[in-house]
Amino acid sequence: MVFTDGKPVAVIISMDEQESNEALKLRLLQSRASQARLDIEAGNTVDGNSFFDALESGKHD
Protein backbone atom coordinates (compact mmCIF):
# COMPACT_ATOMS: atom_id res chain seq x y z
CA MET A 1 0.00 0.00 0.00
CA VAL A 2 1.19 3.50 -0.81
CA PHE A 3 0.53 6.30 1.66
CA THR A 4 0.45 10.10 1.30
CA ASP A 5 0.29 12.17 4.44
CA GLY A 6 -0.38 8.99 6.39
CA LYS A 7 -3.44 8.09 4.28
CA PRO A 8 -3.64 5.10 1.92
CA VAL A 9 -3.77 6.33 -1.69
CA ALA A 10 -2.83 3.31 -3.81
CA VAL A 11 -2.40 -0.44 -3.79
CA ILE A 12 0.27 -2.23 -5.77
CA ILE A 13 -0.50 -5.70 -7.12
CA SER A 14 1.39 -8.04 -9.40
CA MET A 15 0.63 -8.28 -13.11
CA ASP A 16 -0.50 -11.89 -12.56
CA GLU A 17 -3.01 -10.77 -9.95
CA GLN A 18 -4.24 -7.92 -12.20
CA GLU A 19 -4.71 -10.33 -15.11
CA SER A 20 -6.53 -12.76 -12.82
CA ASN A 21 -8.84 -9.96 -11.63
CA GLU A 22 -9.57 -8.91 -15.22
CA ALA A 23 -10.34 -12.53 -16.21
CA LEU A 24 -12.70 -12.85 -13.25
CA LYS A 25 -14.53 -9.63 -14.21
CA LEU A 26 -14.87 -10.88 -17.79
CA ARG A 27 -16.35 -14.21 -16.62
CA LEU A 28 -18.83 -12.36 -14.41
CA LEU A 29 -19.88 -10.09 -17.28
CA GLN A 30 -20.29 -13.08 -19.62
CA SER A 31 -22.37 -14.90 -17.01
CA ARG A 32 -24.66 -11.91 -16.54
CA ALA A 33 -25.07 -11.48 -20.30
CA SER A 34 -25.94 -15.15 -20.64
CA GLN A 35 -28.50 -14.92 -17.85
CA ALA A 36 -29.97 -11.78 -19.44
CA ARG A 37 -30.45 -13.65 -22.72
CA LEU A 38 -32.25 -16.46 -20.89
CA ASP A 39 -34.45 -13.96 -19.05
CA ILE A 40 -35.38 -12.22 -22.31
CA GLU A 41 -36.20 -15.53 -24.00
CA ALA A 42 -38.39 -16.50 -21.02
CA GLY A 43 -40.19 -13.15 -21.10
CA ASN A 44 -38.80 -12.22 -17.70
CA THR A 45 -38.44 -8.50 -18.42
CA VAL A 46 -39.67 -5.17 -17.06
CA ASP A 47 -40.08 -1.85 -18.80
CA GLY A 48 -37.28 0.66 -18.42
CA ASN A 49 -39.26 3.26 -16.46
CA SER A 50 -40.36 0.69 -13.87
CA PHE A 51 -36.81 -0.58 -13.48
CA PHE A 52 -35.30 2.87 -13.04
CA ASP A 53 -38.04 3.90 -10.62
CA ALA A 54 -37.23 0.82 -8.50
CA LEU A 55 -33.51 1.53 -8.82
CA GLU A 56 -33.92 5.13 -7.70
CA SER A 57 -36.07 4.06 -4.74
CA GLY A 58 -33.26 1.81 -3.50
CA LYS A 59 -34.94 -1.51 -4.31
CA HIS A 60 -31.74 -2.89 -5.87
CA ASP A 61 -29.28 -1.68 -3.21
C-alpha atoms as a PDB file:
ATOM      1  CA  MET A   1       0.000   0.000   0.000  1.00  0.00           C
ATOM      2  CA  VAL A   2       1.194   3.498  -0.813  1.00  0.00           C
ATOM      3  CA  PHE A   3       0.531   6.303   1.659  1.00  0.00           C
ATOM      4  CA  THR A   4       0.447  10.096   1.297  1.00  0.00           C
ATOM      5  CA  ASP A   5       0.290  12.169   4.439  1.00  0.00           C
ATOM      6  CA  GLY A   6      -0.379   8.985   6.390  1.00  0.00           C
ATOM      7  CA  LYS A   7      -3.436   8.087   4.279  1.00  0.00           C
ATOM      8  CA  PRO A   8      -3.644   5.102   1.921  1.00  0.00           C
ATOM      9  CA  VAL A   9      -3.773   6.334  -1.690  1.00  0.00           C
ATOM     10  CA  ALA A  10      -2.831   3.308  -3.813  1.00  0.00           C
ATOM     11  CA  VAL A  11      -2.403  -0.441  -3.788  1.00  0.00           C
ATOM     12  CA  ILE A  12       0.270  -2.225  -5.771  1.00  0.00           C
ATOM     13  CA  ILE A  13      -0.497  -5.701  -7.116  1.00  0.00           C
ATOM     14  CA  SER A  14       1.394  -8.041  -9.395  1.00  0.00           C
ATOM     15  CA  MET A  15       0.631  -8.280 -13.108  1.00  0.00           C
ATOM     16  CA  ASP A  16      -0.496 -11.886 -12.556  1.00  0.00           C
ATOM     17  CA  GLU A  17      -3.010 -10.766  -9.952  1.00  0.00           C
ATOM     18  CA  GLN A  18      -4.237  -7.922 -12.197  1.00  0.00           C
ATOM     19  CA  GLU A  19      -4.714 -10.334 -15.109  1.00  0.00           C
ATOM     20  CA  SER A  20      -6.529 -12.761 -12.822  1.00  0.00           C
ATOM     21  CA  ASN A  21      -8.841  -9.959 -11.632  1.00  0.00           C
ATOM     22  CA  GLU A  22      -9.569  -8.915 -15.221  1.00  0.00           C
ATOM     23  CA  ALA A  23     -10.342 -12.530 -16.212  1.00  0.00           C
ATOM     24  CA  LEU A  24     -12.700 -12.847 -13.250  1.00  0.00           C
ATOM     25  CA  LYS A  25     -14.529  -9.632 -14.207  1.00  0.00           C
ATOM     26  CA  LEU A  26     -14.870 -10.879 -17.795  1.00  0.00           C
ATOM     27  CA  ARG A  27     -16.350 -14.214 -16.624  1.00  0.00           C
ATOM     28  CA  LEU A  28     -18.829 -12.362 -14.410  1.00  0.00           C
ATOM     29  CA  LEU A  29     -19.877 -10.090 -17.284  1.00  0.00           C
ATOM     30  CA  GLN A  30     -20.290 -13.081 -19.622  1.00  0.00           C
ATOM     31  CA  SER A  31     -22.368 -14.900 -17.012  1.00  0.00           C
ATOM     32  CA  ARG A  32     -24.656 -11.914 -16.536  1.00  0.00           C
ATOM     33  CA  ALA A  33     -25.069 -11.476 -20.297  1.00  0.00           C
ATOM     34  CA  SER A  34     -25.940 -15.152 -20.637  1.00  0.00           C
ATOM     35  CA  GLN A  35     -28.503 -14.916 -17.852  1.00  0.00           C
ATOM     36  CA  ALA A  36     -29.965 -11.782 -19.439  1.00  0.00           C
ATOM     37  CA  ARG A  37     -30.449 -13.654 -22.725  1.00  0.00           C
ATOM     38  CA  LEU A  38     -32.253 -16.457 -20.895  1.00  0.00           C
ATOM     39  CA  ASP A  39     -34.453 -13.955 -19.045  1.00  0.00           C
ATOM     40  CA  ILE A  40     -35.383 -12.219 -22.311  1.00  0.00           C
ATOM     41  CA  GLU A  41     -36.204 -15.533 -23.998  1.00  0.00           C
ATOM     42  CA  ALA A  42     -38.392 -16.501 -21.021  1.00  0.00           C
ATOM     43  CA  GLY A  43     -40.191 -13.150 -21.105  1.00  0.00           C
ATOM     44  CA  ASN A  44     -38.799 -12.217 -17.697  1.00  0.00           C
ATOM     45  CA  THR A  45     -38.443  -8.499 -18.422  1.00  0.00           C
ATOM     46  CA  VAL A  46     -39.671  -5.170 -17.057  1.00  0.00           C
ATOM     47  CA  ASP A  47     -40.076  -1.849 -18.804  1.00  0.00           C
ATOM     48  CA  GLY A  48     -37.282   0.658 -18.417  1.00  0.00           C
ATOM     49  CA  ASN A  49     -39.260   3.258 -16.463  1.00  0.00           C
ATOM     50  CA  SER A  50     -40.355   0.693 -13.871  1.00  0.00           C
ATOM     51  CA  PHE A  51     -36.811  -0.584 -13.484  1.00  0.00           C
ATOM     52  CA  PHE A  52     -35.296   2.869 -13.041  1.00  0.00           C
ATOM     53  CA  ASP A  53     -38.044   3.901 -10.619  1.00  0.00           C
ATOM     54  CA  ALA A  54     -37.230   0.824  -8.504  1.00  0.00           C
ATOM     55  CA  LEU A  55     -33.510   1.533  -8.818  1.00  0.00           C
ATOM     56  CA  GLU A  56     -33.920   5.135  -7.696  1.00  0.00           C
ATOM     57  CA  SER A  57     -36.066   4.059  -4.740  1.00  0.00           C
ATOM     58  CA  GLY A  58     -33.256   1.810  -3.496  1.00  0.00           C
ATOM     59  CA  LYS A  59     -34.938  -1.513  -4.307  1.00  0.00           C
ATOM     60  CA  HIS A  60     -31.735  -2.893  -5.873  1.00  0.00           C
ATOM     61  CA  ASP A  61     -29.280  -1.678  -3.206  1.00  0.00           C
END
